Amino acid sequence: FFTTDGIVYKIKTWRLPQGGRNSRGKAIINMLPIAQGVSIAAILPIDVPEQNWNDLQVFFSTSTGDVRRNALSDFTNVKANGKI
């Protein structure tokens, strides 16, 4: 999960609560330590094992035209409070 203030969070799929057919679900804001007024800008689901993340890259761009490319392996050690 990438937020609007530039912090990334990582949650394994099996840690997400499982809901039934008629359940209302739980807001993702309640599962991540996101500050007030910050929202999630993008969600990047990855179905590749972490051993193969060295071969993949992530490309970021802003509305002002700034671009950045990171290796996906930079996001392997994301702590619970996020990574800038």
PDB file of N, CA and C in Angstrom:
ATOM      1  N   PHE A   1       0.846  -1.171   0.000  1.00  0.00           N
ATOM      2  CA  PHE A   1       0.000   0.000   0.000  1.00  0.00           C
ATOM      3  C   PHE A   1       0.890   1.233   0.000  1.00  0.00           C
ATOM      4  N   PHE A   2       0.650   2.148  -0.930  1.00  0.00           N
ATOM      5  CA  PHE A   2       1.399   3.395  -1.019  1.00  0.00           C
ATOM      6  C   PHE A   2       0.466   4.531  -0.615  1.00  0.00           C
ATOM      7  N   THR A   3       0.918   5.400   0.303  1.00  0.00           N
ATOM      8  CA  THR A   3       0.080   6.494   0.786  1.00  0.00           C
ATOM      9  C   THR A   3       0.438   7.793   0.087  1.00  0.00           C
ATOM     10  N   THR A   4      -0.401   8.784   0.286  1.00  0.00           N
ATOM     11  CA  THR A   4      -0.192  10.081  -0.356  1.00  0.00           C
ATOM     12  C   THR A   4       0.978  10.852   0.248  1.00  0.00           C
ATOM     13  N   ASP A   5       1.429  10.479   1.451  1.00  0.00           N
ATOM     14  CA  ASP A   5       2.579  11.171   2.041  1.00  0.00           C
ATOM     15  C   ASP A   5       3.892  10.436   1.799  1.00  0.00           C
ATOM     16  N   GLY A   6       3.907   9.414   0.936  1.00  0.00           N
ATOM     17  CA  GLY A   6       5.137   8.759   0.521  1.00  0.00           C
ATOM     18  C   GLY A   6       5.600   7.618   1.391  1.00  0.00           C
ATOM     19  N   ILE A   7       4.721   7.014   2.154  1.00  0.00           N
ATOM     20  CA  ILE A   7       5.081   5.881   2.999  1.00  0.00           C
ATOM     21  C   ILE A   7       4.444   4.624   2.420  1.00  0.00           C
ATOM     22  N   VAL A   8       5.192   3.525   2.448  1.00  0.00           N
ATOM     23  CA  VAL A   8       4.691   2.258   1.933  1.00  0.00           C
ATOM     24  C   VAL A   8       4.469   1.300   3.105  1.00  0.00           C
ATOM     25  N   TYR A   9       3.389   0.526   3.023  1.00  0.00           N
ATOM     26  CA  TYR A   9       3.054  -0.489   4.013  1.00  0.00           C
ATOM     27  C   TYR A   9       2.898  -1.821   3.301  1.00  0.00           C
ATOM     28  N   LYS A  10       3.146  -2.913   4.027  1.00  0.00           N
ATOM     29  CA  LYS A  10       3.037  -4.241   3.430  1.00  0.00           C
ATOM     30  C   LYS A  10       2.231  -5.130   4.363  1.00  0.00           C
ATOM     31  N   ILE A  11       1.231  -5.812   3.805  1.00  0.00           N
ATOM     32  CA  ILE A  11       0.420  -6.767   4.564  1.00  0.00           C
ATOM     33  C   ILE A  11       0.339  -8.051   3.751  1.00  0.00           C
ATOM     34  N   LYS A  12       0.590  -9.173   4.389  1.00  0.00           N
ATOM     35  CA  LYS A  12       0.402 -10.467   3.743  1.00  0.00           C
ATOM     36  C   LYS A  12      -1.100 -10.718   3.617  1.00  0.00           C
ATOM     37  N   THR A  13      -1.492 -11.383   2.565  1.00  0.00           N
ATOM     38  CA  THR A  13      -2.905 -11.612   2.306  1.00  0.00           C
ATOM     39  C   THR A  13      -3.567 -12.422   3.408  1.00  0.00           C
ATOM     40  N   TRP A  14      -2.867 -13.377   3.958  1.00  0.00           N
ATOM     41  CA  TRP A  14      -3.475 -14.214   4.985  1.00  0.00           C
ATOM     42  C   TRP A  14      -3.727 -13.453   6.286  1.00  0.00           C
ATOM     43  N   ARG A  15      -3.139 -12.260   6.460  1.00  0.00           N
ATOM     44  CA  ARG A  15      -3.401 -11.442   7.644  1.00  0.00           C
ATOM     45  C   ARG A  15      -4.681 -10.609   7.529  1.00  0.00           C
ATOM     46  N   LEU A  16      -5.225 -10.488   6.333  1.00  0.00           N
ATOM     47  CA  LEU A  16      -6.465  -9.741   6.147  1.00  0.00           C
ATOM     48  C   LEU A  16      -7.631 -10.551   6.686  1.00  0.00           C
ATOM     49  N   PRO A  17      -8.598  -9.909   7.344  1.00  0.00           N
ATOM     50  CA  PRO A  17      -9.721 -10.663   7.906  1.00  0.00           C
ATOM     51  C   PRO A  17     -10.620 -11.221   6.803  1.00  0.00           C
ATOM     52  N   GLN A  18     -11.064 -12.439   7.025  1.00  0.00           N
ATOM     53  CA  GLN A  18     -11.941 -13.082   6.061  1.00  0.00           C
ATOM     54  C   GLN A  18     -13.382 -12.769   6.433  1.00  0.00           C
ATOM     55  N   GLY A  19     -14.164 -12.377   5.446  1.00  0.00           N
ATOM     56  CA  GLY A  19     -15.553 -12.018   5.684  1.00  0.00           C
ATOM     57  C   GLY A  19     -16.504 -12.995   5.002  1.00  0.00           C
ATOM     58  N   GLY A  20     -17.705 -13.002   5.492  1.00  0.00           N
ATOM     59  CA  GLY A  20     -18.724 -13.857   4.903  1.00  0.00           C
ATOM     60  C   GLY A  20     -19.459 -13.152   3.787  1.00  0.00           C
ATOM     61  N   ARG A  21     -20.498 -13.786   3.317  1.00  0.00           N
ATOM     62  CA  ARG A  21     -21.275 -13.249   2.203  1.00  0.00           C
ATOM     63  C   ARG A  21     -21.961 -11.938   2.559  1.00  0.00           C
ATOM     64  N   ASN A  22     -22.474 -11.828   3.763  1.00  0.00           N
ATOM     65  CA  ASN A  22     -23.236 -10.642   4.163  1.00  0.00           C
ATOM     66  C   ASN A  22     -22.437  -9.685   5.051  1.00  0.00           C
ATOM     67  N   SER A  23     -21.151  -9.918   5.213  1.00  0.00           N
ATOM     68  CA  SER A  23     -20.365  -9.048   6.085  1.00  0.00           C
ATOM     69  C   SER A  23     -20.084  -7.715   5.395  1.00  0.00           C
ATOM     70  N   ARG A  24     -19.915  -6.685   6.189  1.00  0.00           N
ATOM     71  CA  ARG A  24     -19.671  -5.344   5.655  1.00  0.00           C
ATOM     72  C   ARG A  24     -18.202  -5.080   5.411  1.00  0.00           C
ATOM     73  N   GLY A  25     -17.335  -5.883   5.952  1.00  0.00           N
ATOM     74  CA  GLY A  25     -15.907  -5.684   5.760  1.00  0.00           C
ATOM     75  C   GLY A  25     -15.326  -4.724   6.780  1.00  0.00           C
ATOM     76  N   LYS A  26     -14.037  -4.483   6.679  1.00  0.00           N
ATOM     77  CA  LYS A  26     -13.320  -3.602   7.589  1.00  0.00           C
ATOM     78  C   LYS A  26     -12.488  -2.641   6.758  1.00  0.00           C
ATOM     79  N   ALA A  27     -12.473  -1.389   7.117  1.00  0.00           N
ATOM     80  CA  ALA A  27     -11.710  -0.384   6.372  1.00  0.00           C
ATOM     81  C   ALA A  27     -10.213  -0.636   6.517  1.00  0.00           C
ATOM     82  N   ILE A  28      -9.484  -0.489   5.429  1.00  0.00           N
ATOM     83  CA  ILE A  28      -8.042  -0.719   5.432  1.00  0.00           C
ATOM     84  C   ILE A  28      -7.327   0.297   6.315  1.00  0.00           C
ATOM     85  N   ILE A  29      -7.931   1.450   6.499  1.00  0.00           N
ATOM     86  CA  ILE A  29      -7.360   2.484   7.377  1.00  0.00           C
ATOM     87  C   ILE A  29      -7.251   1.962   8.810  1.00  0.00           C
ATOM     88  N   ASN A  30      -8.169   1.078   9.216  1.00  0.00           N
ATOM     89  CA  ASN A  30      -8.143   0.532  10.569  1.00  0.00           C
ATOM     90  C   ASN A  30      -7.087  -0.561  10.744  1.00  0.00           C
ATOM     91  N   MET A  31      -6.517  -1.076   9.673  1.00  0.00           N
ATOM     92  CA  MET A  31      -5.501  -2.128   9.762  1.00  0.00           C
ATOM     93  C   MET A  31      -4.082  -1.590   9.638  1.00  0.00           C
ATOM     94  N   LEU A  32      -3.922  -0.383   9.140  1.00  0.00           N
ATOM     95  CA  LEU A  32      -2.604   0.219   8.956  1.00  0.00           C
ATOM     96  C   LEU A  32      -2.472   1.448   9.853  1.00  0.00           C
ATOM     97  N   PRO A  33      -1.268   1.732  10.350  1.00  0.00           N
ATOM     98  CA  PRO A  33      -1.076   2.918  11.199  1.00  0.00           C
ATOM     99  C   PRO A  33      -0.928   4.197  10.376  1.00  0.00           C
ATOM    100  N   ILE A  34      -1.984   4.560   9.674  1.00  0.00           N
ATOM    101  CA  ILE A  34      -1.958   5.730   8.806  1.00  0.00           C
ATOM    102  C   ILE A  34      -2.421   6.954   9.598  1.00  0.00           C
ATOM    103  N   ALA A  35      -1.723   8.075   9.423  1.00  0.00           N
ATOM    104  CA  ALA A  35      -2.050   9.306  10.148  1.00  0.00           C
ATOM    105  C   ALA A  35      -3.357   9.915   9.638  1.00  0.00           C
ATOM    106  N   GLN A  36      -3.921  10.803  10.430  1.00  0.00           N
ATOM    107  CA  GLN A  36      -5.160  11.492  10.080  1.00  0.00           C
ATOM    108  C   GLN A  36      -4.938  12.362   8.848  1.00  0.00           C
ATOM    109  N   GLY A  37      -5.825  12.298   7.886  1.00  0.00           N
ATOM    110  CA  GLY A  37      -5.743  13.108   6.689  1.00  0.00           C
ATOM    111  C   GLY A  37      -4.923  12.511   5.561  1.00  0.00           C
ATOM    112  N   VAL A  38      -4.303  11.372   5.790  1.00  0.00           N
ATOM    113  CA  VAL A  38      -3.513  10.691   4.764  1.00  0.00           C
ATOM    114  C   VAL A  38      -4.368   9.571   4.186  1.00  0.00           C
ATOM    115  N   SER A  39      -4.305   9.402   2.879  1.00  0.00           N
ATOM    116  CA  SER A  39      -5.084   8.345   2.245  1.00  0.00           C
ATOM    117  C   SER A  39      -4.165   7.431   1.437  1.00  0.00           C
ATOM    118  N   ILE A  40      -4.706   6.326   1.006  1.00  0.00           N
ATOM    119  CA  ILE A  40      -3.948   5.369   0.214  1.00  0.00           C
ATOM    120  C   ILE A  40      -4.004   5.797  -1.247  1.00  0.00           C
ATOM    121  N   ALA A  41      -2.838   5.956  -1.860  1.00  0.00           N
ATOM    122  CA  ALA A  41      -2.763   6.400  -3.249  1.00  0.00           C
ATOM    123  C   ALA A  41      -2.815   5.221  -4.209  1.00  0.00           C
ATOM    124  N   ALA A  42      -2.180   4.097  -3.847  1.00  0.00           N
ATOM    125  CA  ALA A  42      -2.142   2.948  -4.757  1.00  0.00           C
ATOM    126  C   ALA A  42      -1.962   1.665  -3.960  1.00  0.00           C
ATOM    127  N   ILE A  43      -2.482   0.594  -4.517  1.00  0.00           N
ATOM    128  CA  ILE A  43      -2.301  -0.742  -3.973  1.00  0.00           C
ATOM    129  C   ILE A  43      -1.622  -1.566  -5.054  1.00  0.00           C
ATOM    130  N   LEU A  44      -0.530  -2.218  -4.693  1.00  0.00           N
ATOM    131  CA  LEU A  44       0.227  -3.014  -5.650  1.00  0.00           C
ATOM    132  C   LEU A  44       0.221  -4.472  -5.205  1.00  0.00           C
ATOM    133  N   PRO A  45      -0.686  -5.289  -5.761  1.00  0.00           N
ATOM    134  CA  PRO A  45      -0.656  -6.719  -5.414  1.00  0.00           C
ATOM    135  C   PRO A  45       0.480  -7.412  -6.172  1.00  0.00           C
ATOM    136  N   ILE A  46       1.225  -8.238  -5.470  1.00  0.00           N
ATOM    137  CA  ILE A  46       2.376  -8.915  -6.067  1.00  0.00           C
ATOM    138  C   ILE A  46       2.203 -10.412  -5.853  1.00  0.00           C
ATOM    139  N   ASP A  47       2.231 -11.175  -6.936  1.00  0.00           N
ATOM    140  CA  ASP A  47       2.067 -12.620  -6.833  1.00  0.00           C
ATOM    141  C   ASP A  47       3.358 -13.371  -7.157  1.00  0.00           C
ATOM    142  N   VAL A  48       4.491 -12.716  -6.960  1.00  0.00           N
ATOM    143  CA  VAL A  48       5.799 -13.310  -7.203  1.00  0.00           C
ATOM    144  C   VAL A  48       6.469 -13.526  -5.846  1.00  0.00           C
ATOM    145  N   PRO A  49       7.134 -14.659  -5.630  1.00  0.00           N
ATOM    146  CA  PRO A  49       7.836 -14.875  -4.355  1.00  0.00           C
ATOM    147  C   PRO A  49       8.919 -13.822  -4.124  1.00  0.00           C
ATOM    148  N   GLU A  50       9.198 -13.523  -2.859  1.00  0.00           N
ATOM    149  CA  GLU A  50      10.167 -12.478  -2.525  1.00  0.00           C
ATOM    150  C   GLU A  50      11.576 -12.809  -3.007  1.00  0.00           C
ATOM    151  N   GLN A  51      11.892 -14.058  -3.248  1.00  0.00           N
ATOM    152  CA  GLN A  51      13.215 -14.425  -3.756  1.00  0.00           C
ATOM    153  C   GLN A  51      13.429 -13.887  -5.165  1.00  0.00           C
ATOM    154  N   ASN A  52      12.361 -13.667  -5.925  1.00  0.00           N
ATOM    155  CA  ASN A  52      12.468 -13.190  -7.308  1.00  0.00           C
ATOM    156  C   ASN A  52      12.269 -11.687  -7.444  1.00  0.00           C
ATOM    157  N   TRP A  53      12.164 -10.956  -6.345  1.00  0.00           N
ATOM    158  CA  TRP A  53      11.910  -9.526  -6.394  1.00  0.00           C
ATOM    159  C   TRP A  53      13.116  -8.747  -6.918  1.00  0.00           C
ATOM    160  N   ASN A  54      14.313  -9.328  -6.945  1.00  0.00           N
ATOM    161  CA  ASN A  54      15.489  -8.626  -7.465  1.00  0.00           C
ATOM    162  C   ASN A  54      15.362  -8.358  -8.954  1.00  0.00           C
ATOM    163  N   ASP A  55      14.570  -9.187  -9.656  1.00  0.00           N
ATOM    164  CA  ASP A  55      14.422  -9.053 -11.100  1.00  0.00           C
ATOM    165  C   ASP A  55      13.362  -8.030 -11.502  1.00  0.00           C
ATOM    166  N   LEU A  56      12.539  -7.563 -10.557  1.00  0.00           N
ATOM    167  CA  LEU A  56      11.409  -6.679 -10.865  1.00  0.00           C
ATOM    168  C   LEU A  56      11.680  -5.253 -10.400  1.00  0.00           C
ATOM    169  N   GLN A  57      11.014  -4.295 -11.049  1.00  0.00           N
ATOM    170  CA  GLN A  57      11.170  -2.886 -10.693  1.00  0.00           C
ATOM    171  C   GLN A  57       9.805  -2.218 -10.602  1.00  0.00           C
ATOM    172  N   VAL A  58       9.749  -1.124  -9.828  1.00  0.00           N
ATOM    173  CA  VAL A  58       8.538  -0.325  -9.667  1.00  0.00           C
ATOM    174  C   VAL A  58       8.844   1.069 -10.189  1.00  0.00           C
ATOM    175  N   PHE A  59       7.923   1.627 -10.963  1.00  0.00           N
ATOM    176  CA  PHE A  59       8.097   2.947 -11.568  1.00  0.00           C
ATOM    177  C   PHE A  59       7.070   3.889 -10.959  1.00  0.00           C
ATOM    178  N   PHE A  60       7.522   5.016 -10.395  1.00  0.00           N
ATOM    179  CA  PHE A  60       6.655   6.006  -9.778  1.00  0.00           C
ATOM    180  C   PHE A  60       6.681   7.282 -10.602  1.00  0.00           C
ATOM    181  N   SER A  61       5.545   7.954 -10.676  1.00  0.00           N
ATOM    182  CA  SER A  61       5.507   9.281 -11.295  1.00  0.00           C
ATOM    183  C   SER A  61       4.523  10.149 -10.515  1.00  0.00           C
ATOM    184  N   THR A  62       4.807  11.446 -10.461  1.00  0.00           N
ATOM    185  CA  THR A  62       3.939  12.381  -9.758  1.00  0.00           C
ATOM    186  C   THR A  62       3.200  13.255 -10.755  1.00  0.00           C
ATOM    187  N   SER A  63       2.243  14.005 -10.262  1.00  0.00           N
ATOM    188  CA  SER A  63       1.487  14.898 -11.135  1.00  0.00           C
ATOM    189  C   SER A  63       2.327  16.075 -11.619  1.00  0.00           C
ATOM    190  N   THR A  64       3.445  16.354 -10.929  1.00  0.00           N
ATOM    191  CA  THR A  64       4.324  17.438 -11.352  1.00  0.00           C
ATOM    192  C   THR A  64       5.372  16.988 -12.368  1.00  0.00           C
ATOM    193  N   GLY A  65       5.404  15.695 -12.692  1.00  0.00           N
ATOM    194  CA  GLY A  65       6.314  15.202 -13.703  1.00  0.00           C
ATOM    195  C   GLY A  65       7.575  14.547 -13.182  1.00  0.00           C
ATOM    196  N   ASP A  66       7.720  14.421 -11.877  1.00  0.00           N
ATOM    197  CA  ASP A  66       8.884  13.736 -11.324  1.00  0.00           C
ATOM    198  C   ASP A  66       8.697  12.231 -11.476  1.00  0.00           C
ATOM    199  N   VAL A  67       9.758  11.542 -11.847  1.00  0.00           N
ATOM    200  CA  VAL A  67       9.705  10.096 -12.001  1.00  0.00           C
ATOM    201  C   VAL A  67      10.804   9.449 -11.173  1.00  0.00           C
ATOM    202  N   ARG A  68      10.555   8.180 -10.807  1.00  0.00           N
ATOM    203  CA  ARG A  68      11.516   7.451  -9.997  1.00  0.00           C
ATOM    204  C   ARG A  68      11.330   5.965 -10.257  1.00  0.00           C
ATOM    205  N   ARG A  69      12.419   5.229 -10.308  1.00  0.00           N
ATOM    206  CA  ARG A  69      12.370   3.789 -10.510  1.00  0.00           C
ATOM    207  C   ARG A  69      13.117   3.116  -9.367  1.00  0.00           C
ATOM    208  N   ASN A  70      12.468   2.159  -8.716  1.00  0.00           N
ATOM    209  CA  ASN A  70      13.072   1.418  -7.616  1.00  0.00           C
ATOM    210  C   ASN A  70      13.010  -0.073  -7.923  1.00  0.00           C
ATOM    211  N   ALA A  71      13.975  -0.789  -7.403  1.00  0.00           N
ATOM    212  CA  ALA A  71      13.900  -2.248  -7.461  1.00  0.00           C
ATOM    213  C   ALA A  71      12.839  -2.708  -6.462  1.00  0.00           C
ATOM    214  N   LEU A  72      12.101  -3.710  -6.814  1.00  0.00           N
ATOM    215  CA  LEU A  72      11.062  -4.211  -5.913  1.00  0.00           C
ATOM    216  C   LEU A  72      11.675  -4.807  -4.652  1.00  0.00           C
ATOM    217  N   SER A  73      12.922  -5.223  -4.730  1.00  0.00           N
ATOM    218  CA  SER A  73      13.604  -5.769  -3.557  1.00  0.00           C
ATOM    219  C   SER A  73      13.852  -4.703  -2.486  1.00  0.00           C
ATOM    220  N   ASP A  74      13.721  -3.418  -2.820  1.00  0.00           N
ATOM    221  CA  ASP A  74      13.837  -2.353  -1.817  1.00  0.00           C
ATOM    222  C   ASP A  74      12.689  -2.397  -0.820  1.00  0.00           C
ATOM    223  N   PHE A  75      11.610  -3.082  -1.156  1.00  0.00           N
ATOM    224  CA  PHE A  75      10.428  -3.118  -0.316  1.00  0.00           C
ATOM    225  C   PHE A  75      10.244  -4.459   0.385  1.00  0.00           C
ATOM    226  N   THR A  76      11.313  -5.236   0.546  1.00  0.00           N
ATOM    227  CA  THR A  76      11.182  -6.524   1.227  1.00  0.00           C
ATOM    228  C   THR A  76      11.118  -6.360   2.738  1.00  0.00           C
ATOM    229  N   ASN A  77      11.868  -5.436   3.299  1.00  0.00           N
ATOM    230  CA  ASN A  77      11.915  -5.261   4.751  1.00  0.00           C
ATOM    231  C   ASN A  77      11.116  -4.039   5.167  1.00  0.00           C
ATOM    232  N   VAL A  78       9.817  -4.090   5.002  1.00  0.00           N
ATOM    233  CA  VAL A  78       8.942  -2.993   5.411  1.00  0.00           C
ATOM    234  C   VAL A  78       8.450  -3.300   6.818  1.00  0.00           C
ATOM    235  N   LYS A  79       8.741  -2.428   7.759  1.00  0.00           N
ATOM    236  CA  LYS A  79       8.321  -2.607   9.143  1.00  0.00           C
ATOM    237  C   LYS A  79       6.821  -2.334   9.290  1.00  0.00           C
ATOM    238  N   ALA A  80       6.281  -2.594  10.457  1.00  0.00           N
ATOM    239  CA  ALA A  80       4.849  -2.405  10.695  1.00  0.00           C
ATOM    240  C   ALA A  80       4.447  -0.938  10.615  1.00  0.00           C
ATOM    241  N   ASN A  81       5.358  -0.011  10.950  1.00  0.00           N
ATOM    242  CA  ASN A  81       5.026   1.412  10.902  1.00  0.00           C
ATOM    243  C   ASN A  81       5.335   2.025   9.534  1.00  0.00           C
ATOM    244  N   GLY A  82       5.707   1.202   8.545  1.00  0.00           N
ATOM    245  CA  GLY A  82       5.896   1.684   7.178  1.00  0.00           C
ATOM    246  C   GLY A  82       7.334   2.018   6.861  1.00  0.00           C
ATOM    247  N   LYS A  83       7.548   2.363   5.594  1.00  0.00           N
ATOM    248  CA  LYS A  83       8.883   2.728   5.106  1.00  0.00           C
ATOM    249  C   LYS A  83       8.735   3.932   4.194  1.00  0.00           C
ATOM    250  N   ILE A  84       9.572   4.935   4.389  1.00  0.00           N
ATOM    251  CA  ILE A  84       9.500   6.159   3.586  1.00  0.00           C
ATOM    252  C   ILE A  84      10.144   5.906   2.233  1.00  0.00           C
TER     253      ILE A  84
END
